[in-house]
Amino acid sequence: MNMSRTRDTRERLVVIGGDAAGMSAASQARRLKGPDELEIVAFERGHFTSYSACGIPYWVGGEVTGPDQLIARTPEEHRARDIDLRMRTEVMEIDVDRQRVRARDLESGAESWTSYDKLVIATGARPIRPDLPGVDAPGVHGVQTLDDGQALIDTLAHTRGRTAVVVGAGYIGVEMAEALINRGYEVTVVNRGTEPMSTLDPDMGRLVHEAMEGLGITMVDDAAVTKVLTGEDGRVRAVATENAEYPADVVVLGIGVRPETTLARAAGLPLGSHGGLLTDLAMRVRGHENIWAGGDCVEVLDLVSGQERHIALGTHANKHGQVIGTGVGGGYATFPGVVGTAVSKVCDLEIARTGLREKDARRVGLQFVSVTIESTSRAGYYPGASPMTVKMLAERRTGRLLGVQIVGREGAGKRVDIAAVALTAGMTVEQMTALDLGYAPPFSPVWDPVLVAARKAAVKVRAS
């Protein structure tokens, strides 16, 4: 091994991870400091940089024609901005005391140490892969990176059969089930929970369940996979639970993700209860002035509950990167926290949530009221009006908004943004009823569905 360090007057920033958080940080730092002041070296173990992992299900399903459409900035574009981006290179060790990282070229196997003055850890998340017999068989896929998406597409292109099993019914599982239906597969979703979308309360998850069955997806709830069965060729042929077997020519693991903090843990950096790195508001790793972290490998403050959470979303990762790059470049910026907003869809069914579910509120000791209303996306008499269900939680006595869940057709999902702003501002449901929202029959009833729920919640709070 050798020390690759040429000392000059410049500082060196090392970035581990070439996707949203890492390259946003590198790019922002470069905007603030030129190459004569700051040398930037970035390591990425995959084949792609700065891409939308959220778009992978739509690539698999055919709505997006290829990976190039999901890439915001190529390695060549980053290098043109004087960022020394080393692809197919995996960091194997962080030496905090000596301020250096050990990296391996995955093509040649060569290893070397690179010193840093400032370090950004943006190692992302990894798909949860349960420790089950047969789970590593050919034809079983986790989907987190573009490389994962390409591997799944290659499997689908060379698989003769047309049956698929998706394990898990969270955002990834639901979106991958839709993608496989769009490719003409017979799809079964095996879900450990009582209803799909555990990020929703079960009564709202039930609406998603009914919609998925309406698409021809076989839903198996309250069931845990016990093994993956393989054929004589070693490839997957079925998924087994305690009570049944489900044929599968391909299996997609949609169980969720965990922070990829193997390097950080080995280096002795502080981790939270969810396994993610802990940072301050400026995204500095706690206790380390020259190390920052962002994206799916960190835990963030939930502004509603006041507790740390792990939420793997590209929106957060890009914001983290901007904050980190500003700090590295000598400026000041903070990331105050999140309210847990997310949207998804199953064909034309839109699913959205923000804030706390009922069990979240109970876990942190909040007393609350909840209301559920039925409304429409447009004025009821206007063509194309579709039904929408809105559930709202408010704190008992104070009336502070705690959470909103929405399930409906076109025009439903993005209404959750109204609630996200209200949560961030700490508004009460009474205050929400006075919000001056846009109205015209093609866009909304006179009382927007979110405000209808707020009115009903305000009445319930006053009576509590």
Protein backbone atom coordinates (compact mmCIF):
# COMPACT_ATOMS: atom_id res chain seq x y z
CA MET A 1 0.00 0.00 0.00
CA ASN A 2 1.07 3.58 -0.55
CA MET A 3 0.12 6.98 0.74
CA SER A 4 -1.34 9.03 -2.12
CA ARG A 5 -0.80 12.50 -0.69
CA THR A 6 0.90 15.43 -2.34
CA ARG A 7 1.08 18.21 0.21
CA ASP A 8 0.36 21.70 -1.02
CA THR A 9 -1.52 24.72 0.30
CA ARG A 10 -4.91 23.28 -0.63
CA GLU A 11 -7.24 21.42 1.66
CA ARG A 12 -8.46 18.00 0.53
CA LEU A 13 -12.07 16.95 0.78
CA VAL A 14 -12.75 13.23 0.48
CA VAL A 15 -16.30 12.11 -0.30
CA ILE A 16 -17.43 8.51 0.19
CA GLY A 17 -20.44 7.86 -2.05
CA GLY A 18 -21.23 9.28 -5.48
CA ASP A 19 -25.00 9.69 -5.37
CA ALA A 20 -27.33 12.43 -4.14
CA ALA A 21 -25.83 13.54 -0.82
CA GLY A 22 -22.18 12.95 -1.66
CA MET A 23 -22.08 14.62 -5.05
CA SER A 24 -24.42 17.44 -4.00
CA ALA A 25 -21.95 18.15 -1.20
CA ALA A 26 -18.99 17.98 -3.56
CA SER A 27 -20.68 20.22 -6.14
CA GLN A 28 -21.74 22.83 -3.57
CA ALA A 29 -18.26 22.86 -2.03
CA ARG A 30 -16.79 23.38 -5.49
CA ARG A 31 -19.13 26.34 -6.11
CA LEU A 32 -17.80 28.00 -2.97
CA LYS A 33 -14.13 27.06 -3.32
CA GLY A 34 -12.18 26.71 -6.52
CA PRO A 35 -9.64 23.96 -7.28
CA ASP A 36 -6.80 26.23 -6.19
CA GLU A 37 -8.26 26.25 -2.65
CA LEU A 38 -9.91 22.84 -2.33
CA GLU A 39 -9.03 19.49 -3.84
CA ILE A 40 -12.03 17.14 -4.00
CA VAL A 41 -11.66 13.36 -4.27
CA ALA A 42 -14.83 11.25 -4.42
CA PHE A 43 -15.13 7.46 -4.33
CA GLU A 44 -18.08 5.53 -5.81
CA ARG A 45 -18.16 1.73 -5.88
CA GLY A 46 -20.91 1.47 -8.51
CA HIS A 47 -21.15 2.34 -12.21
CA PHE A 48 -23.34 5.45 -11.87
CA THR A 49 -23.39 8.79 -10.07
CA SER A 50 -26.05 11.36 -9.11
CA TYR A 51 -29.06 9.30 -10.08
CA SER A 52 -32.67 8.96 -9.00
CA ALA A 53 -33.08 5.65 -7.17
CA CYS A 54 -36.75 6.57 -6.75
CA GLY A 55 -37.14 6.19 -10.51
CA ILE A 56 -35.92 2.58 -10.65
CA PRO A 57 -39.42 1.00 -10.40
CA TYR A 58 -40.55 3.11 -13.37
CA TRP A 59 -37.50 2.00 -15.36
CA VAL A 60 -38.27 -1.62 -14.50
CA GLY A 61 -41.94 -1.09 -15.41
CA GLY A 62 -41.14 0.52 -18.76
CA GLU A 63 -42.34 4.09 -18.13
CA VAL A 64 -38.68 5.18 -18.21
CA THR A 65 -36.76 3.76 -21.15
CA GLY A 66 -33.27 3.54 -19.69
CA PRO A 67 -30.94 4.44 -16.85
CA ASP A 68 -29.62 7.53 -18.64
CA GLN A 69 -32.94 9.25 -17.97
CA LEU A 70 -32.44 8.77 -14.24
CA ILE A 71 -28.94 10.27 -14.13
CA ALA A 72 -28.74 13.94 -13.15
CA ARG A 73 -24.98 14.26 -13.68
CA THR A 74 -22.48 11.82 -15.15
CA PRO A 75 -18.97 11.11 -13.84
CA GLU A 76 -17.56 13.07 -16.78
CA GLU A 77 -19.66 16.11 -15.86
CA HIS A 78 -18.42 15.96 -12.28
CA ARG A 79 -14.81 15.64 -13.43
CA ALA A 80 -15.26 18.65 -15.71
CA ARG A 81 -15.86 20.64 -12.52
CA ASP A 82 -12.48 19.60 -11.09
CA ILE A 83 -13.83 16.80 -8.91
CA ASP A 84 -11.53 13.76 -8.90
CA LEU A 85 -14.26 11.13 -9.09
CA ARG A 86 -13.02 7.55 -8.87
CA MET A 87 -15.62 5.08 -10.08
CA ARG A 88 -15.77 1.38 -9.20
CA THR A 89 -13.66 2.18 -6.14
CA GLU A 90 -14.86 1.10 -2.72
CA VAL A 91 -13.67 2.63 0.53
CA MET A 92 -12.78 -0.24 2.86
CA GLU A 93 -11.70 1.64 5.99
CA ILE A 94 -11.80 5.05 7.62
CA ASP A 95 -8.83 5.87 9.85
CA VAL A 96 -10.18 8.77 11.91
CA ASP A 97 -7.03 9.29 13.98
CA ARG A 98 -4.74 9.65 10.95
CA GLN A 99 -7.42 11.31 8.77
CA ARG A 100 -7.24 8.91 5.84
CA VAL A 101 -9.32 6.31 4.01
CA ARG A 102 -8.31 3.02 2.45
CA ALA A 103 -9.89 2.36 -0.95
CA ARG A 104 -9.89 -0.63 -3.31
CA ASP A 105 -10.16 -0.48 -7.07
CA LEU A 106 -12.83 -3.11 -7.77
CA GLU A 107 -11.50 -3.83 -11.25
CA SER A 108 -7.81 -4.32 -10.43
CA GLY A 109 -8.00 -5.08 -6.70
CA ALA A 110 -5.31 -2.49 -5.98
CA GLU A 111 -5.58 -0.67 -2.65
CA SER A 112 -4.26 2.69 -1.50
CA TRP A 113 -4.64 5.20 1.31
CA THR A 114 -5.89 8.73 0.67
CA SER A 115 -5.52 11.42 3.33
CA TYR A 116 -8.19 14.04 3.97
CA ASP A 117 -8.59 17.36 5.72
CA LYS A 118 -12.37 17.09 5.53
CA LEU A 119 -14.47 13.97 5.04
CA VAL A 120 -18.04 13.46 3.84
CA ILE A 121 -19.71 10.11 4.46
CA ALA A 122 -22.59 9.49 2.06
CA THR A 123 -22.69 5.70 1.94
CA GLY A 124 -26.48 5.49 1.55
CA ALA A 125 -28.61 2.55 2.59
CA ARG A 126 -28.69 -1.14 1.78
CA PRO A 127 -31.76 -3.27 1.09
CA ILE A 128 -32.78 -5.50 3.97
CA ARG A 129 -31.93 -9.05 2.94
CA PRO A 130 -33.34 -11.52 5.44
CA ASP A 131 -31.21 -14.44 6.57
CA LEU A 132 -33.29 -17.15 4.88
CA PRO A 133 -32.40 -20.37 3.10
CA GLY A 134 -32.10 -19.68 -0.63
CA VAL A 135 -32.24 -15.90 -0.39
CA ASP A 136 -28.99 -15.55 -2.34
CA ALA A 137 -30.18 -17.75 -5.22
CA PRO A 138 -30.09 -16.37 -8.77
CA GLY A 139 -33.36 -14.59 -9.51
CA VAL A 140 -33.68 -12.98 -6.06
CA HIS A 141 -33.13 -9.22 -6.19
CA GLY A 142 -32.91 -6.28 -3.85
CA VAL A 143 -33.41 -2.95 -5.57
CA GLN A 144 -31.55 0.08 -4.22
CA THR A 145 -29.06 1.25 -6.85
CA LEU A 146 -29.04 1.57 -10.64
CA ASP A 147 -26.75 -1.46 -10.70
CA ASP A 148 -29.47 -3.37 -8.82
CA GLY A 149 -32.08 -2.15 -11.28
CA GLN A 150 -29.96 -3.25 -14.25
CA ALA A 151 -29.45 -6.69 -12.70
CA LEU A 152 -33.20 -7.12 -12.22
CA ILE A 153 -33.97 -6.01 -15.78
CA ASP A 154 -31.38 -8.47 -17.10
CA THR A 155 -33.04 -11.26 -15.11
CA LEU A 156 -36.49 -10.33 -16.43
CA ALA A 157 -35.15 -10.30 -19.99
CA HIS A 158 -33.77 -13.85 -19.69
CA THR A 159 -36.49 -15.47 -17.57
CA ARG A 160 -38.96 -17.65 -19.45
CA GLY A 161 -41.67 -17.80 -16.82
CA ARG A 162 -44.01 -14.95 -15.93
CA THR A 163 -44.57 -15.31 -12.19
CA ALA A 164 -43.08 -12.96 -9.63
CA VAL A 165 -43.18 -12.66 -5.86
CA VAL A 166 -42.52 -9.37 -4.09
CA VAL A 167 -41.53 -9.79 -0.44
CA GLY A 168 -42.70 -6.77 1.54
CA ALA A 169 -45.41 -4.19 0.90
CA GLY A 170 -43.80 -0.87 1.78
CA TYR A 171 -43.08 1.81 -0.81
CA ILE A 172 -40.48 -0.27 -2.63
CA GLY A 173 -42.62 -3.42 -2.59
CA VAL A 174 -45.78 -1.67 -3.79
CA GLU A 175 -43.99 0.19 -6.58
CA MET A 176 -42.13 -2.93 -7.74
CA ALA A 177 -45.40 -4.91 -7.76
CA GLU A 178 -46.87 -2.31 -10.10
CA ALA A 179 -43.75 -2.40 -12.29
CA LEU A 180 -43.95 -6.17 -12.66
CA ILE A 181 -47.68 -6.04 -13.44
CA ASN A 182 -46.85 -3.52 -16.17
CA ARG A 183 -44.35 -6.02 -17.60
CA GLY A 184 -47.04 -8.68 -17.81
CA TYR A 185 -46.08 -10.74 -14.77
CA GLU A 186 -48.46 -12.58 -12.47
CA VAL A 187 -47.56 -10.93 -9.15
CA THR A 188 -47.95 -12.09 -5.54
CA VAL A 189 -47.02 -9.77 -2.67
CA VAL A 190 -46.14 -11.46 0.61
CA ASN A 191 -46.43 -9.01 3.48
CA ARG A 192 -45.59 -9.53 7.14
CA GLY A 193 -48.02 -6.77 8.20
CA THR A 194 -51.78 -6.83 8.44
CA GLU A 195 -52.09 -4.40 5.50
CA PRO A 196 -49.71 -3.01 2.87
CA MET A 197 -47.96 0.32 3.42
CA SER A 198 -47.03 0.12 7.09
CA THR A 199 -46.24 3.83 6.88
CA LEU A 200 -50.03 4.28 6.97
CA ASP A 201 -52.47 3.33 9.69
CA PRO A 202 -54.11 -0.07 8.95
CA ASP A 203 -57.48 1.46 8.04
CA MET A 204 -55.82 3.53 5.30
CA GLY A 205 -53.59 0.61 4.28
CA ARG A 206 -56.76 -1.36 3.65
CA LEU A 207 -57.65 1.01 0.82
CA VAL A 208 -54.28 0.28 -0.79
CA HIS A 209 -54.85 -3.47 -0.35
CA GLU A 210 -58.19 -3.27 -2.18
CA ALA A 211 -56.68 -1.25 -5.02
CA MET A 212 -53.80 -3.70 -5.47
CA GLU A 213 -56.18 -6.65 -5.63
CA GLY A 214 -58.17 -4.69 -8.20
CA LEU A 215 -55.06 -4.65 -10.39
CA GLY A 216 -54.85 -8.44 -10.25
CA ILE A 217 -52.09 -8.57 -7.62
CA THR A 218 -52.44 -11.43 -5.14
CA MET A 219 -52.04 -10.00 -1.64
CA VAL A 220 -50.84 -12.31 1.15
CA ASP A 221 -50.89 -10.38 4.43
CA ASP A 222 -49.88 -11.49 7.92
CA ALA A 223 -47.38 -13.91 6.42
CA ALA A 224 -43.62 -14.22 6.86
CA VAL A 225 -41.37 -15.81 4.25
CA THR A 226 -39.54 -18.80 5.74
CA LYS A 227 -37.41 -19.86 2.77
CA VAL A 228 -36.73 -19.35 -0.91
CA LEU A 229 -37.03 -22.60 -2.85
CA THR A 230 -34.78 -23.36 -5.78
CA GLY A 231 -34.92 -25.72 -8.73
CA GLU A 232 -32.37 -28.20 -10.04
CA ASP A 233 -30.59 -25.37 -11.85
CA GLY A 234 -30.15 -23.50 -8.55
CA ARG A 235 -32.44 -20.67 -9.57
CA VAL A 236 -35.42 -19.50 -7.54
CA ARG A 237 -38.65 -21.40 -8.20
CA ALA A 238 -40.91 -20.44 -5.28
CA VAL A 239 -41.23 -18.56 -2.00
CA ALA A 240 -42.47 -20.43 1.07
CA THR A 241 -44.31 -19.24 4.16
CA GLU A 242 -45.38 -21.41 7.07
CA ASN A 243 -48.65 -22.25 5.34
CA ALA A 244 -48.08 -22.11 1.59
CA GLU A 245 -45.73 -21.92 -1.36
CA TYR A 246 -45.95 -19.26 -4.07
CA PRO A 247 -44.35 -19.99 -7.48
CA ALA A 248 -41.77 -17.45 -8.57
CA ASP A 249 -39.55 -17.08 -11.59
CA VAL A 250 -38.22 -13.90 -10.02
CA VAL A 251 -38.31 -12.55 -6.46
CA VAL A 252 -37.96 -8.89 -5.50
CA LEU A 253 -37.15 -7.97 -1.91
CA GLY A 254 -39.12 -4.89 -0.94
CA ILE A 255 -38.70 -5.20 2.81
CA GLY A 256 -37.05 -1.81 3.21
CA VAL A 257 -33.55 -0.50 3.79
CA ARG A 258 -31.09 0.06 6.61
CA PRO A 259 -28.41 2.75 6.86
CA GLU A 260 -25.14 1.57 5.31
CA THR A 261 -22.89 2.46 8.20
CA THR A 262 -20.48 -0.50 8.30
CA LEU A 263 -17.49 1.80 7.73
CA ALA A 264 -18.70 4.35 10.26
CA ARG A 265 -19.31 1.72 12.92
CA ALA A 266 -15.84 0.23 12.43
CA ALA A 267 -14.34 3.72 12.71
CA GLY A 268 -16.09 4.31 16.04
CA LEU A 269 -18.36 7.10 14.80
CA PRO A 270 -21.62 7.73 16.71
CA LEU A 271 -24.71 5.83 15.57
CA GLY A 272 -28.33 6.18 16.66
CA SER A 273 -30.93 3.61 17.63
CA HIS A 274 -31.84 3.02 13.97
CA GLY A 275 -28.22 2.38 12.98
CA GLY A 276 -27.70 5.71 11.23
CA LEU A 277 -24.97 8.26 11.83
CA LEU A 278 -25.78 11.04 14.27
CA THR A 279 -25.06 14.61 13.17
CA ASP A 280 -25.65 18.14 14.37
CA LEU A 281 -27.83 20.66 12.53
CA ALA A 282 -24.97 21.46 10.15
CA MET A 283 -24.72 17.73 9.29
CA ARG A 284 -21.37 17.37 11.06
CA VAL A 285 -20.91 13.97 12.68
CA ARG A 286 -21.26 14.54 16.39
CA GLY A 287 -17.92 14.99 18.10
CA HIS A 288 -15.98 15.35 14.82
CA GLU A 289 -15.41 18.85 13.45
CA ASN A 290 -13.97 17.72 10.12
CA ILE A 291 -16.40 14.88 9.27
CA TRP A 292 -19.86 15.38 7.79
CA ALA A 293 -22.52 12.80 6.85
CA GLY A 294 -25.75 12.93 4.87
CA GLY A 295 -28.32 11.00 2.90
CA ASP A 296 -29.67 7.56 3.69
CA CYS A 297 -26.84 6.74 6.11
CA VAL A 298 -27.89 9.30 8.74
CA GLU A 299 -30.70 9.73 11.25
CA VAL A 300 -32.64 12.99 11.25
CA LEU A 301 -34.78 14.86 13.74
CA ASP A 302 -38.53 14.36 13.46
CA LEU A 303 -39.97 17.83 14.09
CA VAL A 304 -43.32 16.42 15.21
CA SER A 305 -42.21 13.76 17.70
CA GLY A 306 -38.90 15.35 18.66
CA GLN A 307 -37.09 12.01 18.17
CA GLU A 308 -34.47 10.79 15.70
CA ARG A 309 -35.68 8.82 12.67
CA HIS A 310 -34.19 7.09 9.65
CA ILE A 311 -35.92 8.14 6.44
CA ALA A 312 -34.36 7.16 3.12
CA LEU A 313 -35.48 9.78 0.61
CA GLY A 314 -33.66 11.56 -2.18
CA THR A 315 -35.25 14.89 -1.24
CA HIS A 316 -33.52 14.78 2.15
CA ALA A 317 -30.24 13.55 0.67
CA ASN A 318 -29.99 16.45 -1.76
CA LYS A 319 -30.75 18.96 0.99
CA HIS A 320 -28.15 17.32 3.24
CA GLY A 321 -25.61 17.62 0.46
CA GLN A 322 -26.29 21.32 0.00
CA VAL A 323 -25.90 21.94 3.73
CA ILE A 324 -22.71 19.88 3.94
CA GLY A 325 -21.15 21.49 0.88
CA THR A 326 -21.90 24.93 2.27
CA GLY A 327 -20.18 24.03 5.55
CA VAL A 328 -17.18 22.48 3.82
CA GLY A 329 -16.91 25.57 1.62
CA GLY A 330 -16.74 27.89 4.60
CA GLY A 331 -20.38 29.01 4.71
CA TYR A 332 -23.15 28.29 7.17
CA ALA A 333 -26.31 26.25 6.62
CA THR A 334 -28.43 23.88 8.69
CA PHE A 335 -30.87 21.05 8.17
CA PRO A 336 -33.48 21.49 10.93
CA GLY A 337 -35.32 18.18 10.48
CA VAL A 338 -38.26 16.54 8.75
CA VAL A 339 -41.94 15.86 9.23
CA GLY A 340 -41.91 12.53 7.38
CA THR A 341 -43.64 13.39 4.12
CA ALA A 342 -43.84 10.76 1.39
CA VAL A 343 -45.98 10.02 -1.66
CA SER A 344 -46.33 6.98 -3.85
CA LYS A 345 -48.79 5.38 -6.25
CA VAL A 346 -50.18 2.07 -7.44
CA CYS A 347 -51.24 2.71 -11.02
CA ASP A 348 -53.74 5.57 -10.64
CA LEU A 349 -54.12 5.24 -6.85
CA GLU A 350 -52.14 7.94 -5.05
CA ILE A 351 -50.88 7.36 -1.50
CA ALA A 352 -49.49 10.09 0.74
CA ARG A 353 -48.60 10.64 4.36
CA THR A 354 -46.88 13.18 6.58
CA GLY A 355 -46.31 13.43 10.32
CA LEU A 356 -47.23 10.72 12.80
CA ARG A 357 -49.37 7.60 12.54
CA GLU A 358 -51.52 6.58 15.48
CA LYS A 359 -48.90 4.17 16.79
CA ASP A 360 -46.17 6.82 16.43
CA ALA A 361 -48.17 9.25 18.55
CA ARG A 362 -48.83 6.60 21.19
CA ARG A 363 -45.16 5.60 21.29
CA VAL A 364 -44.07 9.14 22.19
CA GLY A 365 -46.87 9.56 24.73
CA LEU A 366 -49.08 11.98 22.81
CA GLN A 367 -52.82 12.02 23.37
CA PHE A 368 -54.68 12.65 20.15
CA VAL A 369 -57.95 12.66 18.25
CA SER A 370 -58.31 11.26 14.74
CA VAL A 371 -60.87 11.89 12.01
CA THR A 372 -61.39 10.37 8.57
CA ILE A 373 -63.36 12.08 5.83
CA GLU A 374 -64.43 11.25 2.30
CA SER A 375 -64.29 13.98 -0.33
CA THR A 376 -63.49 14.51 -4.01
CA SER A 377 -60.50 15.85 -5.92
CA ARG A 378 -62.62 18.45 -7.74
CA ALA A 379 -66.05 20.00 -7.35
CA GLY A 380 -68.45 17.06 -7.36
CA TYR A 381 -70.25 18.32 -10.48
CA TYR A 382 -67.06 18.88 -12.48
CA PRO A 383 -66.05 16.09 -14.92
CA GLY A 384 -63.30 13.85 -13.63
CA ALA A 385 -63.95 14.34 -9.91
CA SER A 386 -62.64 11.27 -8.07
CA PRO A 387 -63.03 10.09 -4.46
CA MET A 388 -60.42 10.80 -1.84
CA THR A 389 -60.00 9.65 1.77
CA VAL A 390 -58.19 11.92 4.23
CA LYS A 391 -57.24 10.89 7.78
CA MET A 392 -55.98 13.52 10.22
CA LEU A 393 -54.50 13.32 13.72
CA ALA A 394 -54.44 16.27 16.11
CA GLU A 395 -53.15 16.59 19.65
CA ARG A 396 -55.91 16.46 22.23
CA ARG A 397 -56.55 19.78 23.98
CA THR A 398 -53.96 21.85 22.04
CA GLY A 399 -55.25 20.90 18.60
CA ARG A 400 -51.70 20.80 17.17
CA LEU A 401 -51.66 18.94 13.87
CA LEU A 402 -49.83 15.62 14.26
CA GLY A 403 -50.27 13.82 10.96
CA VAL A 404 -52.22 13.37 7.74
CA GLN A 405 -52.72 10.39 5.43
CA ILE A 406 -54.38 10.59 2.02
CA VAL A 407 -55.45 7.85 -0.37
CA GLY A 408 -57.23 8.73 -3.62
CA ARG A 409 -57.01 9.12 -7.37
CA GLU A 410 -55.57 11.92 -9.49
CA GLY A 411 -55.01 15.09 -7.51
CA ALA A 412 -54.92 13.39 -4.10
CA GLY A 413 -51.26 12.76 -3.36
CA LYS A 414 -49.72 16.22 -3.57
CA ARG A 415 -52.39 17.65 -1.27
CA VAL A 416 -50.30 16.23 1.52
CA ASP A 417 -47.95 19.18 1.01
CA ILE A 418 -50.54 21.45 2.63
CA ALA A 419 -50.28 19.34 5.77
CA ALA A 420 -46.48 19.15 5.54
CA VAL A 421 -46.24 22.95 5.62
CA ALA A 422 -48.74 23.12 8.49
CA LEU A 423 -46.75 20.54 10.47
CA THR A 424 -43.48 22.38 9.89
CA ALA A 425 -45.08 25.62 11.07
CA GLY A 426 -46.56 23.92 14.15
CA MET A 427 -50.10 24.92 13.22
CA THR A 428 -53.25 23.75 14.96
CA VAL A 429 -56.13 22.23 13.04
CA GLU A 430 -58.18 25.31 13.98
CA GLN A 431 -55.60 27.55 12.33
CA MET A 432 -55.57 25.32 9.26
CA THR A 433 -59.28 25.91 8.64
CA ALA A 434 -58.45 29.55 7.81
CA LEU A 435 -55.78 28.73 5.21
CA ASP A 436 -56.37 30.65 1.98
CA LEU A 437 -55.99 27.83 -0.53
CA GLY A 438 -56.58 28.10 -4.25
CA TYR A 439 -60.06 27.16 -5.46
CA ALA A 440 -61.73 26.55 -8.79
CA PRO A 441 -64.06 23.64 -9.68
CA PRO A 442 -61.45 21.86 -11.87
CA PHE A 443 -59.01 21.75 -8.92
CA SER A 444 -60.95 21.40 -5.69
CA PRO A 445 -64.32 21.53 -3.96
CA VAL A 446 -65.05 24.86 -2.25
CA TRP A 447 -63.64 23.32 0.92
CA ASP A 448 -60.46 21.47 0.08
CA PRO A 449 -60.50 17.88 1.44
CA VAL A 450 -57.58 18.63 3.78
CA LEU A 451 -59.47 21.58 5.25
CA VAL A 452 -62.63 19.51 5.60
CA ALA A 453 -60.61 17.09 7.73
CA ALA A 454 -59.14 20.03 9.69
CA ARG A 455 -62.64 21.39 10.44
CA LYS A 456 -63.81 18.01 11.65
CA ALA A 457 -60.66 17.53 13.75
CA ALA A 458 -61.09 21.02 15.28
CA VAL A 459 -64.63 20.15 16.37
CA LYS A 460 -63.38 16.93 17.95
CA VAL A 461 -60.55 18.75 19.75
CA ARG A 462 -62.99 21.29 21.21
CA ALA A 463 -65.16 18.44 22.48
CA SER A 464 -62.23 16.53 24.02
